[in-house]
């Protein structure tokens, strides 16, 4: 099997050699052998791992990608596939959340207030997270007669949008999406529609990036003789 220098792989993938070392440190690739002088010796198999990392992480995130590649190193193909399946299921759930936001948009009620515990239960978001989002200015509550935090239907809708943003793979666009949600004024319906469209574009892009990642995942599995 052909040996490769770190600098050659880094140039081929348009990343730095320090990034290669960080992937290795995290256990995403097998440990390379060393030359008598102590330099790393990568093989074509290592290249296939690195290609898979670069291709999968934009669509699945680095943590999911790491879990998948560690499973492959243990020859656990089925475990890796179920991790991928779970990530794709989460993306589909985000799509369903967008549909919920559209439904909320049709039935806004400024008078109806839900206590924080009900919002937490209905959205499956911990109350501690809701309080943090309020502290950061993403959502706003009112105090009910018992002085507990309560949210109107518009704020519940923003909670759902934040949940979509929270589940997205980190990127500058996701950071901007959260900023846009925070800057939404009360009952800015057109603003919500713009953010819904923004979310849908991100979800579609995630699907496309996942498809590209899966191509390199398949190539790696073939290289490892797991298929």
N, C-alpha and C. Protein backbone atom coordinates (compact mmCIF):
# COMPACT_ATOMS: atom_id res chain seq x y z
N UNK A 1 0.84 -1.19 0.00
CA UNK A 1 0.00 0.00 0.00
C UNK A 1 0.89 1.25 0.00
N UNK A 2 0.57 2.21 -0.86
CA UNK A 2 1.39 3.40 -1.04
C UNK A 2 1.42 4.26 0.22
N UNK A 3 2.62 4.68 0.61
CA UNK A 3 2.76 5.58 1.75
C UNK A 3 2.59 7.03 1.30
N UNK A 4 2.08 7.86 2.21
CA UNK A 4 1.81 9.25 1.88
C UNK A 4 2.29 10.15 3.00
N UNK A 5 2.79 11.32 2.64
CA UNK A 5 3.22 12.29 3.64
C UNK A 5 2.01 13.11 4.11
N UNK A 6 2.01 13.54 5.36
CA UNK A 6 0.92 14.38 5.85
C UNK A 6 0.68 15.61 4.99
N UNK A 7 1.76 16.25 4.54
CA UNK A 7 1.61 17.47 3.75
C UNK A 7 0.89 17.19 2.43
N UNK A 8 1.11 16.00 1.86
CA UNK A 8 0.45 15.65 0.60
C UNK A 8 -1.06 15.47 0.79
N UNK A 9 -1.42 14.81 1.89
CA UNK A 9 -2.85 14.63 2.19
C UNK A 9 -3.49 15.97 2.50
N UNK A 10 -2.81 16.80 3.28
CA UNK A 10 -3.35 18.11 3.65
C UNK A 10 -3.62 18.96 2.41
N UNK A 11 -2.67 18.96 1.47
CA UNK A 11 -2.85 19.74 0.24
C UNK A 11 -3.99 19.19 -0.60
N UNK A 12 -4.08 17.87 -0.67
CA UNK A 12 -5.15 17.24 -1.47
C UNK A 12 -6.53 17.60 -0.94
N UNK A 13 -6.67 17.69 0.39
CA UNK A 13 -7.97 17.94 1.01
C UNK A 13 -8.17 19.41 1.38
N UNK A 14 -7.17 20.24 1.09
CA UNK A 14 -7.24 21.67 1.37
C UNK A 14 -7.45 21.96 2.86
N UNK A 15 -6.73 21.23 3.70
CA UNK A 15 -6.74 21.46 5.13
C UNK A 15 -5.29 21.51 5.61
N UNK A 16 -5.08 21.83 6.88
CA UNK A 16 -3.72 21.94 7.40
C UNK A 16 -3.26 20.60 7.99
N UNK A 17 -1.96 20.46 8.12
CA UNK A 17 -1.41 19.25 8.74
C UNK A 17 -1.78 19.20 10.22
N UNK A 18 -1.95 20.36 10.85
CA UNK A 18 -2.38 20.37 12.26
C UNK A 18 -3.80 19.84 12.40
N UNK A 19 -4.64 20.08 11.37
CA UNK A 19 -6.00 19.52 11.38
C UNK A 19 -5.93 17.99 11.29
N UNK A 20 -5.03 17.49 10.44
CA UNK A 20 -4.84 16.03 10.35
C UNK A 20 -4.45 15.47 11.72
N UNK A 21 -3.53 16.15 12.39
CA UNK A 21 -3.08 15.67 13.71
C UNK A 21 -4.20 15.72 14.73
N UNK A 22 -5.07 16.75 14.62
CA UNK A 22 -6.18 16.85 15.58
C UNK A 22 -7.18 15.70 15.37
N UNK A 23 -7.42 15.33 14.11
CA UNK A 23 -8.30 14.18 13.83
C UNK A 23 -7.69 12.90 14.39
N UNK A 24 -6.38 12.77 14.20
CA UNK A 24 -5.69 11.60 14.73
C UNK A 24 -5.76 11.56 16.25
N UNK A 25 -5.57 12.72 16.89
CA UNK A 25 -5.60 12.80 18.35
C UNK A 25 -6.96 12.40 18.90
N UNK A 26 -8.03 12.75 18.15
CA UNK A 26 -9.38 12.40 18.57
C UNK A 26 -9.73 10.94 18.28
N UNK A 27 -8.85 10.23 17.64
CA UNK A 27 -9.09 8.81 17.35
C UNK A 27 -9.96 8.56 16.14
N UNK A 28 -10.04 9.56 15.23
CA UNK A 28 -10.89 9.39 14.05
C UNK A 28 -10.22 8.56 12.97
N UNK A 29 -8.91 8.40 13.06
CA UNK A 29 -8.17 7.58 12.09
C UNK A 29 -7.26 6.63 12.86
N UNK A 30 -6.89 5.51 12.25
CA UNK A 30 -5.94 4.60 12.93
C UNK A 30 -4.60 5.28 13.16
N UNK A 31 -3.92 4.87 14.20
CA UNK A 31 -2.60 5.42 14.48
C UNK A 31 -1.64 5.08 13.33
N UNK A 32 -0.94 6.06 12.78
CA UNK A 32 0.00 5.77 11.70
C UNK A 32 1.32 5.24 12.26
N UNK A 33 2.03 4.54 11.43
CA UNK A 33 3.38 4.13 11.82
C UNK A 33 4.31 5.34 11.71
N UNK A 34 5.54 5.17 12.17
CA UNK A 34 6.50 6.27 12.17
C UNK A 34 7.77 5.87 11.40
N UNK A 35 8.36 6.85 10.77
CA UNK A 35 9.65 6.63 10.09
C UNK A 35 10.75 6.58 11.15
N UNK A 36 11.95 6.11 10.79
CA UNK A 36 13.07 6.11 11.75
C UNK A 36 13.32 7.49 12.36
N UNK A 37 12.99 8.54 11.60
CA UNK A 37 13.19 9.91 12.10
C UNK A 37 12.00 10.39 12.93
N UNK A 38 10.96 9.56 13.05
CA UNK A 38 9.82 9.93 13.88
C UNK A 38 8.66 10.58 13.14
N UNK A 39 8.75 10.67 11.80
CA UNK A 39 7.67 11.29 11.03
C UNK A 39 6.52 10.30 10.82
N UNK A 40 5.31 10.84 10.80
CA UNK A 40 4.15 10.00 10.54
C UNK A 40 4.18 9.45 9.12
N UNK A 41 3.75 8.19 9.00
CA UNK A 41 3.64 7.57 7.68
C UNK A 41 2.18 7.18 7.47
N UNK A 42 1.50 7.93 6.60
CA UNK A 42 0.11 7.64 6.28
C UNK A 42 0.03 6.74 5.04
N UNK A 43 -1.05 6.01 4.94
CA UNK A 43 -1.28 5.13 3.79
C UNK A 43 -2.53 5.59 3.05
N UNK A 44 -2.84 4.90 1.96
CA UNK A 44 -4.06 5.20 1.21
C UNK A 44 -5.30 4.96 2.07
N UNK A 45 -5.17 4.04 3.02
CA UNK A 45 -6.29 3.80 3.94
C UNK A 45 -6.52 5.03 4.83
N UNK A 46 -5.44 5.62 5.30
CA UNK A 46 -5.56 6.85 6.09
C UNK A 46 -6.21 7.96 5.25
N UNK A 47 -5.79 8.05 4.00
CA UNK A 47 -6.37 9.05 3.10
C UNK A 47 -7.89 8.87 3.00
N UNK A 48 -8.33 7.61 2.88
CA UNK A 48 -9.76 7.34 2.78
C UNK A 48 -10.50 7.79 4.05
N UNK A 49 -9.87 7.60 5.22
CA UNK A 49 -10.45 8.07 6.48
C UNK A 49 -10.56 9.60 6.47
N UNK A 50 -9.46 10.26 6.10
CA UNK A 50 -9.45 11.72 6.11
C UNK A 50 -10.47 12.28 5.11
N UNK A 51 -10.57 11.67 3.95
CA UNK A 51 -11.55 12.11 2.95
C UNK A 51 -12.97 11.98 3.51
N UNK A 52 -13.20 10.90 4.23
CA UNK A 52 -14.52 10.67 4.81
C UNK A 52 -14.85 11.72 5.87
N UNK A 53 -13.88 12.06 6.71
CA UNK A 53 -14.08 13.09 7.74
C UNK A 53 -14.46 14.42 7.09
N UNK A 54 -13.67 14.83 6.11
CA UNK A 54 -13.90 16.12 5.45
C UNK A 54 -15.25 16.15 4.75
N UNK A 55 -15.67 15.01 4.18
CA UNK A 55 -16.94 14.96 3.45
C UNK A 55 -18.14 14.81 4.37
N UNK A 56 -17.99 14.05 5.47
CA UNK A 56 -19.15 13.78 6.33
C UNK A 56 -19.44 14.90 7.34
N UNK A 57 -18.41 15.54 7.86
CA UNK A 57 -18.63 16.48 8.95
C UNK A 57 -19.52 17.67 8.60
N UNK A 58 -19.53 18.21 7.37
CA UNK A 58 -20.44 19.32 7.09
C UNK A 58 -21.92 18.93 7.16
N UNK A 59 -22.24 17.69 6.86
CA UNK A 59 -23.64 17.25 6.88
C UNK A 59 -24.06 16.56 8.16
N UNK A 60 -23.11 15.93 8.85
CA UNK A 60 -23.44 15.16 10.05
C UNK A 60 -22.86 15.77 11.32
N UNK A 61 -21.91 16.69 11.19
CA UNK A 61 -21.25 17.23 12.37
C UNK A 61 -20.06 16.37 12.76
N UNK A 62 -19.09 16.97 13.40
CA UNK A 62 -17.86 16.26 13.71
C UNK A 62 -18.07 15.18 14.77
N UNK A 63 -18.99 15.39 15.72
CA UNK A 63 -19.20 14.38 16.77
C UNK A 63 -19.80 13.10 16.20
N UNK A 64 -20.82 13.25 15.35
CA UNK A 64 -21.42 12.07 14.72
C UNK A 64 -20.41 11.39 13.79
N UNK A 65 -19.68 12.19 13.03
CA UNK A 65 -18.65 11.64 12.14
C UNK A 65 -17.62 10.85 12.93
N UNK A 66 -17.21 11.41 14.07
CA UNK A 66 -16.22 10.72 14.91
C UNK A 66 -16.76 9.38 15.40
N UNK A 67 -18.02 9.36 15.85
CA UNK A 67 -18.62 8.12 16.35
C UNK A 67 -18.68 7.07 15.24
N UNK A 68 -19.02 7.50 14.03
CA UNK A 68 -19.11 6.58 12.89
C UNK A 68 -17.74 5.98 12.57
N UNK A 69 -16.71 6.82 12.50
CA UNK A 69 -15.38 6.33 12.11
C UNK A 69 -14.74 5.47 13.20
N UNK A 70 -15.04 5.78 14.44
CA UNK A 70 -14.52 4.93 15.52
C UNK A 70 -15.16 3.54 15.46
N UNK A 71 -16.45 3.51 15.08
CA UNK A 71 -17.13 2.22 14.92
C UNK A 71 -16.51 1.42 13.77
N UNK A 72 -16.18 2.10 12.69
CA UNK A 72 -15.55 1.41 11.55
C UNK A 72 -14.19 0.84 11.92
N UNK A 73 -13.44 1.57 12.75
CA UNK A 73 -12.13 1.07 13.17
C UNK A 73 -12.27 -0.22 13.99
N UNK A 74 -13.42 -0.38 14.65
CA UNK A 74 -13.69 -1.61 15.41
C UNK A 74 -14.36 -2.67 14.53
N UNK A 75 -14.48 -2.37 13.22
CA UNK A 75 -15.13 -3.28 12.26
C UNK A 75 -16.62 -3.45 12.57
N UNK A 76 -17.23 -2.42 13.16
CA UNK A 76 -18.65 -2.46 13.53
C UNK A 76 -19.46 -1.66 12.51
N UNK A 77 -19.63 -2.21 11.32
CA UNK A 77 -20.34 -1.51 10.26
C UNK A 77 -21.79 -1.24 10.65
N UNK A 78 -22.48 -2.22 11.20
CA UNK A 78 -23.88 -2.03 11.55
C UNK A 78 -24.05 -0.92 12.59
N UNK A 79 -23.14 -0.87 13.56
CA UNK A 79 -23.21 0.19 14.57
C UNK A 79 -23.04 1.56 13.91
N UNK A 80 -22.10 1.65 12.95
CA UNK A 80 -21.89 2.91 12.24
C UNK A 80 -23.13 3.32 11.45
N UNK A 81 -23.76 2.34 10.81
CA UNK A 81 -24.96 2.63 10.02
C UNK A 81 -26.11 3.12 10.89
N UNK A 82 -26.25 2.57 12.09
CA UNK A 82 -27.32 3.02 12.98
C UNK A 82 -27.07 4.43 13.50
N UNK A 83 -25.80 4.78 13.69
CA UNK A 83 -25.48 6.15 14.08
C UNK A 83 -25.89 7.12 12.97
N UNK A 84 -25.60 6.74 11.74
CA UNK A 84 -25.99 7.55 10.59
C UNK A 84 -27.51 7.64 10.49
N UNK A 85 -28.17 6.51 10.69
CA UNK A 85 -29.63 6.48 10.64
C UNK A 85 -30.24 7.43 11.66
N UNK A 86 -29.66 7.45 12.86
CA UNK A 86 -30.16 8.33 13.91
C UNK A 86 -30.01 9.80 13.53
N UNK A 87 -28.88 10.14 12.91
CA UNK A 87 -28.65 11.52 12.49
C UNK A 87 -29.64 11.94 11.40
N UNK A 88 -29.94 11.03 10.49
CA UNK A 88 -30.90 11.34 9.42
C UNK A 88 -32.32 11.46 9.99
N UNK A 89 -32.62 10.65 10.99
CA UNK A 89 -33.92 10.74 11.66
C UNK A 89 -34.07 12.11 12.33
N UNK A 90 -32.99 12.59 12.95
CA UNK A 90 -33.03 13.90 13.61
C UNK A 90 -33.29 15.01 12.59
N UNK A 91 -32.70 14.89 11.41
CA UNK A 91 -32.93 15.88 10.35
C UNK A 91 -34.38 15.88 9.93
N UNK A 92 -34.98 14.70 9.85
CA UNK A 92 -36.40 14.59 9.48
C UNK A 92 -37.29 15.20 10.57
N UNK A 93 -36.88 15.04 11.83
CA UNK A 93 -37.63 15.63 12.94
C UNK A 93 -37.57 17.16 12.88
N UNK A 94 -36.42 17.69 12.46
CA UNK A 94 -36.31 19.14 12.30
C UNK A 94 -37.26 19.64 11.21
N UNK A 95 -37.39 18.85 10.15
CA UNK A 95 -38.33 19.21 9.08
C UNK A 95 -39.76 19.26 9.63
N UNK A 96 -40.09 18.29 10.50
CA UNK A 96 -41.42 18.27 11.11
C UNK A 96 -41.62 19.49 12.02
N UNK A 97 -40.56 19.93 12.67
CA UNK A 97 -40.63 21.12 13.53
C UNK A 97 -41.00 22.35 12.71
N UNK A 98 -40.44 22.45 11.52
CA UNK A 98 -40.76 23.58 10.64
C UNK A 98 -42.25 23.58 10.30
N UNK A 99 -42.80 22.40 10.08
CA UNK A 99 -44.23 22.31 9.81
C UNK A 99 -45.05 22.75 11.02
N UNK A 100 -44.55 22.44 12.23
CA UNK A 100 -45.21 22.89 13.44
C UNK A 100 -45.21 24.42 13.53
N UNK A 101 -44.08 25.01 13.17
CA UNK A 101 -43.99 26.48 13.20
C UNK A 101 -45.01 27.08 12.24
N UNK A 102 -45.14 26.50 11.06
CA UNK A 102 -46.12 26.99 10.08
C UNK A 102 -47.53 26.89 10.65
N UNK A 103 -47.80 25.81 11.37
CA UNK A 103 -49.12 25.64 11.99
C UNK A 103 -49.35 26.69 13.07
N UNK A 104 -48.33 26.93 13.90
CA UNK A 104 -48.45 27.96 14.95
C UNK A 104 -48.71 29.33 14.34
N UNK A 105 -48.11 29.57 13.20
CA UNK A 105 -48.25 30.87 12.55
C UNK A 105 -49.70 31.16 12.17
N UNK A 106 -50.46 30.10 11.94
CA UNK A 106 -51.87 30.27 11.57
C UNK A 106 -52.79 30.48 12.78
N UNK A 107 -52.28 30.24 13.98
CA UNK A 107 -53.14 30.30 15.17
C UNK A 107 -52.46 31.07 16.31
N UNK A 108 -51.92 32.24 15.99
CA UNK A 108 -51.28 33.06 17.01
C UNK A 108 -52.33 33.65 17.95
N UNK A 109 -52.05 33.59 19.23
CA UNK A 109 -52.97 34.10 20.25
C UNK A 109 -52.15 34.83 21.31
N UNK A 110 -52.24 36.16 21.28
CA UNK A 110 -51.42 36.96 22.20
C UNK A 110 -51.91 36.87 23.64
N UNK A 111 -53.14 36.42 23.84
CA UNK A 111 -53.71 36.37 25.19
C UNK A 111 -53.37 35.07 25.91
N UNK A 112 -53.31 33.99 25.17
CA UNK A 112 -53.07 32.69 25.80
C UNK A 112 -51.62 32.56 26.23
N UNK A 113 -51.41 32.26 27.50
CA UNK A 113 -50.07 32.11 28.04
C UNK A 113 -49.87 30.69 28.57
N UNK A 114 -48.73 30.11 28.25
CA UNK A 114 -48.39 28.78 28.74
C UNK A 114 -47.26 28.88 29.75
N UNK A 115 -47.42 28.24 30.92
CA UNK A 115 -46.31 28.25 31.89
C UNK A 115 -45.11 27.51 31.33
N UNK A 116 -43.94 27.83 31.85
CA UNK A 116 -42.69 27.29 31.33
C UNK A 116 -42.66 25.77 31.37
N UNK A 117 -43.27 25.17 32.39
CA UNK A 117 -43.24 23.70 32.48
C UNK A 117 -44.03 23.08 31.34
N UNK A 118 -45.13 23.73 30.91
CA UNK A 118 -45.92 23.21 29.79
C UNK A 118 -45.19 23.38 28.47
N UNK A 119 -44.52 24.53 28.31
CA UNK A 119 -43.74 24.75 27.09
C UNK A 119 -42.62 23.71 27.01
N UNK A 120 -41.99 23.45 28.13
CA UNK A 120 -40.92 22.44 28.18
C UNK A 120 -41.46 21.07 27.80
N UNK A 121 -42.63 20.72 28.34
CA UNK A 121 -43.23 19.42 28.06
C UNK A 121 -43.64 19.31 26.60
N UNK A 122 -44.25 20.37 26.06
CA UNK A 122 -44.77 20.33 24.68
C UNK A 122 -43.67 20.35 23.63
N UNK A 123 -42.54 20.93 23.96
CA UNK A 123 -41.46 21.06 22.98
C UNK A 123 -40.28 20.11 23.24
N UNK A 124 -40.32 19.40 24.37
CA UNK A 124 -39.23 18.50 24.77
C UNK A 124 -37.91 19.25 24.94
N UNK A 125 -38.01 20.47 25.42
CA UNK A 125 -36.83 21.29 25.70
C UNK A 125 -36.78 21.54 27.20
N UNK A 126 -35.68 21.24 27.87
CA UNK A 126 -35.59 21.45 29.32
C UNK A 126 -35.89 22.90 29.72
N UNK A 127 -36.52 23.06 30.85
CA UNK A 127 -36.83 24.40 31.33
C UNK A 127 -35.56 25.22 31.52
N UNK A 128 -34.48 24.54 31.90
CA UNK A 128 -33.20 25.25 32.08
C UNK A 128 -32.72 25.85 30.76
N UNK A 129 -32.95 25.14 29.65
CA UNK A 129 -32.57 25.66 28.34
C UNK A 129 -33.42 26.86 27.96
N UNK A 130 -34.73 26.77 28.27
CA UNK A 130 -35.63 27.90 27.99
C UNK A 130 -35.21 29.14 28.77
N UNK A 131 -34.82 28.93 30.03
CA UNK A 131 -34.38 30.08 30.84
C UNK A 131 -33.08 30.66 30.28
N UNK A 132 -32.20 29.78 29.80
CA UNK A 132 -30.94 30.26 29.20
C UNK A 132 -31.22 31.05 27.93
N UNK A 133 -32.10 30.54 27.08
CA UNK A 133 -32.43 31.25 25.84
C UNK A 133 -33.05 32.62 26.15
N UNK A 134 -33.85 32.68 27.21
CA UNK A 134 -34.42 33.97 27.59
C UNK A 134 -33.32 34.93 28.07
N UNK A 135 -32.42 34.41 28.86
CA UNK A 135 -31.31 35.22 29.36
C UNK A 135 -30.48 35.80 28.21
N UNK A 136 -30.32 34.99 27.13
CA UNK A 136 -29.54 35.43 25.97
C UNK A 136 -30.36 36.27 25.00
N UNK A 137 -31.65 36.44 25.28
CA UNK A 137 -32.47 37.32 24.46
C UNK A 137 -33.14 36.69 23.27
N UNK A 138 -33.09 35.35 23.16
CA UNK A 138 -33.73 34.68 22.02
C UNK A 138 -35.25 34.63 22.17
N UNK A 139 -35.72 34.46 23.38
CA UNK A 139 -37.16 34.42 23.65
C UNK A 139 -37.45 35.33 24.85
N UNK A 140 -38.74 35.64 25.03
CA UNK A 140 -39.14 36.52 26.13
C UNK A 140 -40.38 35.94 26.81
N UNK A 141 -40.39 36.00 28.11
CA UNK A 141 -41.53 35.49 28.88
C UNK A 141 -42.26 36.63 29.57
N UNK A 142 -43.43 36.29 30.05
CA UNK A 142 -44.19 37.19 30.91
C UNK A 142 -44.40 36.46 32.23
N UNK A 143 -44.69 37.20 33.26
CA UNK A 143 -44.93 36.58 34.56
C UNK A 143 -46.43 36.38 34.76
N UNK A 144 -46.80 35.13 35.09
CA UNK A 144 -48.20 34.83 35.35
C UNK A 144 -48.61 35.29 36.73
N UNK A 145 -49.84 35.01 37.09
CA UNK A 145 -50.36 35.45 38.40
C UNK A 145 -49.58 34.81 39.55
N UNK A 146 -49.01 33.65 39.30
CA UNK A 146 -48.21 32.98 40.34
C UNK A 146 -46.73 33.35 40.25
N UNK A 147 -46.42 34.34 39.36
CA UNK A 147 -45.07 34.86 39.18
C UNK A 147 -44.13 33.89 38.45
N UNK A 148 -44.67 32.79 37.91
CA UNK A 148 -43.85 31.89 37.11
C UNK A 148 -43.75 32.41 35.68
N UNK A 149 -42.67 32.02 34.99
CA UNK A 149 -42.52 32.41 33.59
C UNK A 149 -43.63 31.79 32.74
N UNK A 150 -44.19 32.60 31.85
CA UNK A 150 -45.19 32.11 30.90
C UNK A 150 -44.84 32.65 29.51
N UNK A 151 -45.24 31.90 28.49
CA UNK A 151 -44.91 32.28 27.12
C UNK A 151 -46.19 32.31 26.27
N UNK A 152 -46.31 33.34 25.43
CA UNK A 152 -47.45 33.37 24.51
C UNK A 152 -47.13 32.52 23.28
N UNK A 153 -48.09 32.39 22.38
CA UNK A 153 -47.94 31.47 21.25
C UNK A 153 -46.82 31.91 20.30
N UNK A 154 -46.58 33.22 20.21
CA UNK A 154 -45.51 33.71 19.34
C UNK A 154 -44.15 33.29 19.89
N UNK A 155 -43.99 33.38 21.20
CA UNK A 155 -42.73 32.98 21.82
C UNK A 155 -42.53 31.46 21.74
N UNK A 156 -43.61 30.71 21.84
CA UNK A 156 -43.51 29.26 21.68
C UNK A 156 -43.03 28.93 20.27
N UNK A 157 -43.50 29.70 19.32
CA UNK A 157 -43.06 29.50 17.94
C UNK A 157 -41.56 29.78 17.81
N UNK A 158 -41.07 30.82 18.49
CA UNK A 158 -39.64 31.11 18.48
C UNK A 158 -38.84 30.00 19.17
N UNK A 159 -39.44 29.39 20.18
CA UNK A 159 -38.79 28.26 20.85
C UNK A 159 -38.57 27.13 19.84
N UNK A 160 -39.59 26.85 19.03
CA UNK A 160 -39.47 25.79 18.03
C UNK A 160 -38.41 26.12 16.99
N UNK A 161 -38.35 27.39 16.58
CA UNK A 161 -37.32 27.80 15.63
C UNK A 161 -35.92 27.64 16.23
N UNK A 162 -35.79 27.98 17.52
CA UNK A 162 -34.51 27.81 18.19
C UNK A 162 -34.13 26.33 18.28
N UNK A 163 -35.12 25.48 18.44
CA UNK A 163 -34.85 24.04 18.51
C UNK A 163 -34.30 23.55 17.18
N UNK A 164 -34.85 24.06 16.08
CA UNK A 164 -34.33 23.70 14.76
C UNK A 164 -32.88 24.17 14.62
N UNK A 165 -32.64 25.43 15.02
CA UNK A 165 -31.29 25.99 14.91
C UNK A 165 -30.31 25.22 15.80
N UNK A 166 -30.78 24.81 16.97
CA UNK A 166 -29.92 24.09 17.91
C UNK A 166 -29.51 22.73 17.35
N UNK A 167 -30.39 22.12 16.56
CA UNK A 167 -30.10 20.79 16.02
C UNK A 167 -29.27 20.81 14.75
N UNK A 168 -29.05 22.01 14.20
CA UNK A 168 -28.30 22.12 12.94
C UNK A 168 -26.80 21.94 13.19
N UNK A 169 -26.11 21.49 12.15
CA UNK A 169 -24.65 21.38 12.23
C UNK A 169 -24.07 22.79 12.28
N UNK A 170 -23.15 23.02 13.20
CA UNK A 170 -22.62 24.37 13.41
C UNK A 170 -21.99 24.94 12.14
N UNK A 171 -22.33 26.18 11.86
CA UNK A 171 -21.73 26.91 10.74
C UNK A 171 -22.02 28.39 10.96
N UNK A 172 -21.39 29.24 10.17
CA UNK A 172 -21.65 30.68 10.27
C UNK A 172 -23.11 31.00 9.94
N UNK A 173 -23.69 30.22 9.02
CA UNK A 173 -25.10 30.45 8.66
C UNK A 173 -26.02 30.12 9.82
N UNK A 174 -25.68 29.11 10.60
CA UNK A 174 -26.48 28.75 11.77
C UNK A 174 -26.37 29.83 12.83
N UNK A 175 -25.17 30.38 13.00
CA UNK A 175 -24.97 31.49 13.95
C UNK A 175 -25.84 32.67 13.54
N UNK A 176 -25.86 32.97 12.24
CA UNK A 176 -26.68 34.08 11.75
C UNK A 176 -28.17 33.78 11.92
N UNK A 177 -28.56 32.52 11.72
CA UNK A 177 -29.96 32.12 11.90
C UNK A 177 -30.40 32.40 13.33
N UNK A 178 -29.60 32.02 14.31
CA UNK A 178 -29.93 32.27 15.71
C UNK A 178 -30.03 33.77 15.99
N UNK A 179 -29.14 34.53 15.37
CA UNK A 179 -29.16 35.98 15.54
C UNK A 179 -30.47 36.56 14.98
N UNK A 180 -30.90 36.04 13.84
CA UNK A 180 -32.15 36.51 13.23
C UNK A 180 -33.35 36.18 14.10
N UNK A 181 -33.33 34.99 14.71
CA UNK A 181 -34.43 34.62 15.62
C UNK A 181 -34.46 35.55 16.82
N UNK A 182 -33.29 35.85 17.37
CA UNK A 182 -33.22 36.73 18.53
C UNK A 182 -33.74 38.13 18.19
N UNK A 183 -33.49 38.58 16.96
CA UNK A 183 -33.87 39.94 16.56
C UNK A 183 -35.32 40.07 16.11
N UNK A 184 -36.05 38.95 16.06
CA UNK A 184 -37.45 39.02 15.65
C UNK A 184 -38.27 39.86 16.64
N UNK A 185 -38.98 40.83 16.12
CA UNK A 185 -39.86 41.62 16.97
C UNK A 185 -41.18 40.88 17.18
N UNK A 186 -41.88 41.25 18.23
CA UNK A 186 -43.15 40.60 18.54
C UNK A 186 -44.11 40.63 17.36
N UNK A 187 -44.61 39.46 17.02
CA UNK A 187 -45.62 39.28 15.99
C UNK A 187 -45.20 39.80 14.62
N UNK A 188 -43.90 39.67 14.35
CA UNK A 188 -43.38 39.97 13.02
C UNK A 188 -43.57 38.72 12.15
N UNK A 189 -44.75 38.58 11.60
CA UNK A 189 -45.12 37.38 10.85
C UNK A 189 -44.25 37.21 9.61
N UNK A 190 -44.01 38.30 8.89
CA UNK A 190 -43.19 38.21 7.68
C UNK A 190 -41.76 37.80 8.02
N UNK A 191 -41.27 38.29 9.16
CA UNK A 191 -39.94 37.91 9.61
C UNK A 191 -39.85 36.42 9.90
N UNK A 192 -40.91 35.88 10.51
CA UNK A 192 -40.96 34.45 10.79
C UNK A 192 -40.96 33.65 9.49
N UNK A 193 -41.72 34.11 8.51
CA UNK A 193 -41.76 33.42 7.22
C UNK A 193 -40.38 33.38 6.57
N UNK A 194 -39.65 34.49 6.69
CA UNK A 194 -38.29 34.53 6.13
C UNK A 194 -37.39 33.51 6.83
N UNK A 195 -37.53 33.40 8.15
CA UNK A 195 -36.70 32.46 8.91
C UNK A 195 -37.10 31.01 8.60
N UNK A 196 -38.38 30.77 8.40
CA UNK A 196 -38.83 29.44 8.00
C UNK A 196 -38.16 29.03 6.69
N UNK A 197 -38.15 29.96 5.74
CA UNK A 197 -37.51 29.68 4.45
C UNK A 197 -36.01 29.44 4.64
N UNK A 198 -35.40 30.23 5.52
CA UNK A 198 -33.97 30.07 5.81
C UNK A 198 -33.69 28.68 6.40
N UNK A 199 -34.56 28.25 7.31
CA UNK A 199 -34.42 26.92 7.91
C UNK A 199 -34.56 25.82 6.87
N UNK A 200 -35.52 25.97 5.98
CA UNK A 200 -35.74 24.96 4.96
C UNK A 200 -34.54 24.85 4.02
N UNK A 201 -33.93 25.99 3.69
CA UNK A 201 -32.74 25.97 2.85
C UNK A 201 -31.60 25.23 3.56
N UNK A 202 -31.43 25.50 4.87
CA UNK A 202 -30.39 24.82 5.64
C UNK A 202 -30.62 23.31 5.70
N UNK A 203 -31.88 22.91 5.89
CA UNK A 203 -32.20 21.48 5.96
C UNK A 203 -31.93 20.81 4.62
N UNK A 204 -32.30 21.47 3.53
CA UNK A 204 -32.05 20.91 2.21
C UNK A 204 -30.55 20.78 1.94
N UNK A 205 -29.79 21.80 2.34
CA UNK A 205 -28.34 21.76 2.18
C UNK A 205 -27.74 20.63 3.02
N UNK A 206 -28.30 20.44 4.23
CA UNK A 206 -27.79 19.36 5.08
C UNK A 206 -28.00 18.01 4.40
N UNK A 207 -29.17 17.81 3.79
CA UNK A 207 -29.45 16.57 3.07
C UNK A 207 -28.41 16.35 1.96
N UNK A 208 -28.13 17.41 1.20
CA UNK A 208 -27.18 17.30 0.09
C UNK A 208 -25.78 16.98 0.59
N UNK A 209 -25.37 17.64 1.69
CA UNK A 209 -24.04 17.39 2.24
C UNK A 209 -23.94 15.98 2.83
N UNK A 210 -25.07 15.51 3.40
CA UNK A 210 -25.06 14.14 3.92
C UNK A 210 -24.91 13.13 2.79
N UNK A 211 -25.54 13.41 1.67
CA UNK A 211 -25.41 12.51 0.52
C UNK A 211 -23.95 12.43 0.07
N UNK A 212 -23.29 13.58 -0.01
CA UNK A 212 -21.88 13.61 -0.38
C UNK A 212 -21.04 12.85 0.64
N UNK A 213 -21.34 13.04 1.92
CA UNK A 213 -20.62 12.34 2.97
C UNK A 213 -20.79 10.84 2.89
N UNK A 214 -21.99 10.40 2.56
CA UNK A 214 -22.27 8.96 2.49
C UNK A 214 -21.51 8.31 1.33
N UNK A 215 -21.28 9.06 0.27
CA UNK A 215 -20.49 8.53 -0.85
C UNK A 215 -19.09 8.17 -0.37
N UNK A 216 -18.46 9.08 0.39
CA UNK A 216 -17.11 8.81 0.89
C UNK A 216 -17.12 7.77 2.02
N UNK A 217 -18.22 7.72 2.76
CA UNK A 217 -18.37 6.66 3.77
C UNK A 217 -18.39 5.30 3.10
N UNK A 218 -19.13 5.18 2.00
CA UNK A 218 -19.20 3.93 1.25
C UNK A 218 -17.81 3.56 0.69
N UNK A 219 -17.09 4.54 0.17
CA UNK A 219 -15.76 4.28 -0.36
C UNK A 219 -14.82 3.78 0.73
N UNK A 220 -14.92 4.39 1.93
CA UNK A 220 -14.07 3.96 3.04
C UNK A 220 -14.41 2.53 3.44
N UNK A 221 -15.70 2.22 3.56
CA UNK A 221 -16.11 0.88 3.93
C UNK A 221 -15.60 -0.15 2.93
N UNK A 222 -15.62 0.20 1.65
CA UNK A 222 -15.10 -0.70 0.61
C UNK A 222 -13.61 -0.88 0.77
N UNK A 223 -12.90 0.22 1.05
CA UNK A 223 -11.44 0.16 1.25
C UNK A 223 -11.08 -0.73 2.44
N UNK A 224 -11.94 -0.72 3.46
CA UNK A 224 -11.69 -1.51 4.67
C UNK A 224 -12.17 -2.95 4.55
N UNK A 225 -12.83 -3.27 3.43
CA UNK A 225 -13.32 -4.62 3.21
C UNK A 225 -14.54 -4.96 4.06
N UNK A 226 -15.32 -3.94 4.43
CA UNK A 226 -16.49 -4.16 5.27
C UNK A 226 -17.77 -4.38 4.46
N UNK A 227 -17.67 -4.25 3.14
CA UNK A 227 -18.84 -4.43 2.29
C UNK A 227 -18.64 -5.63 1.36
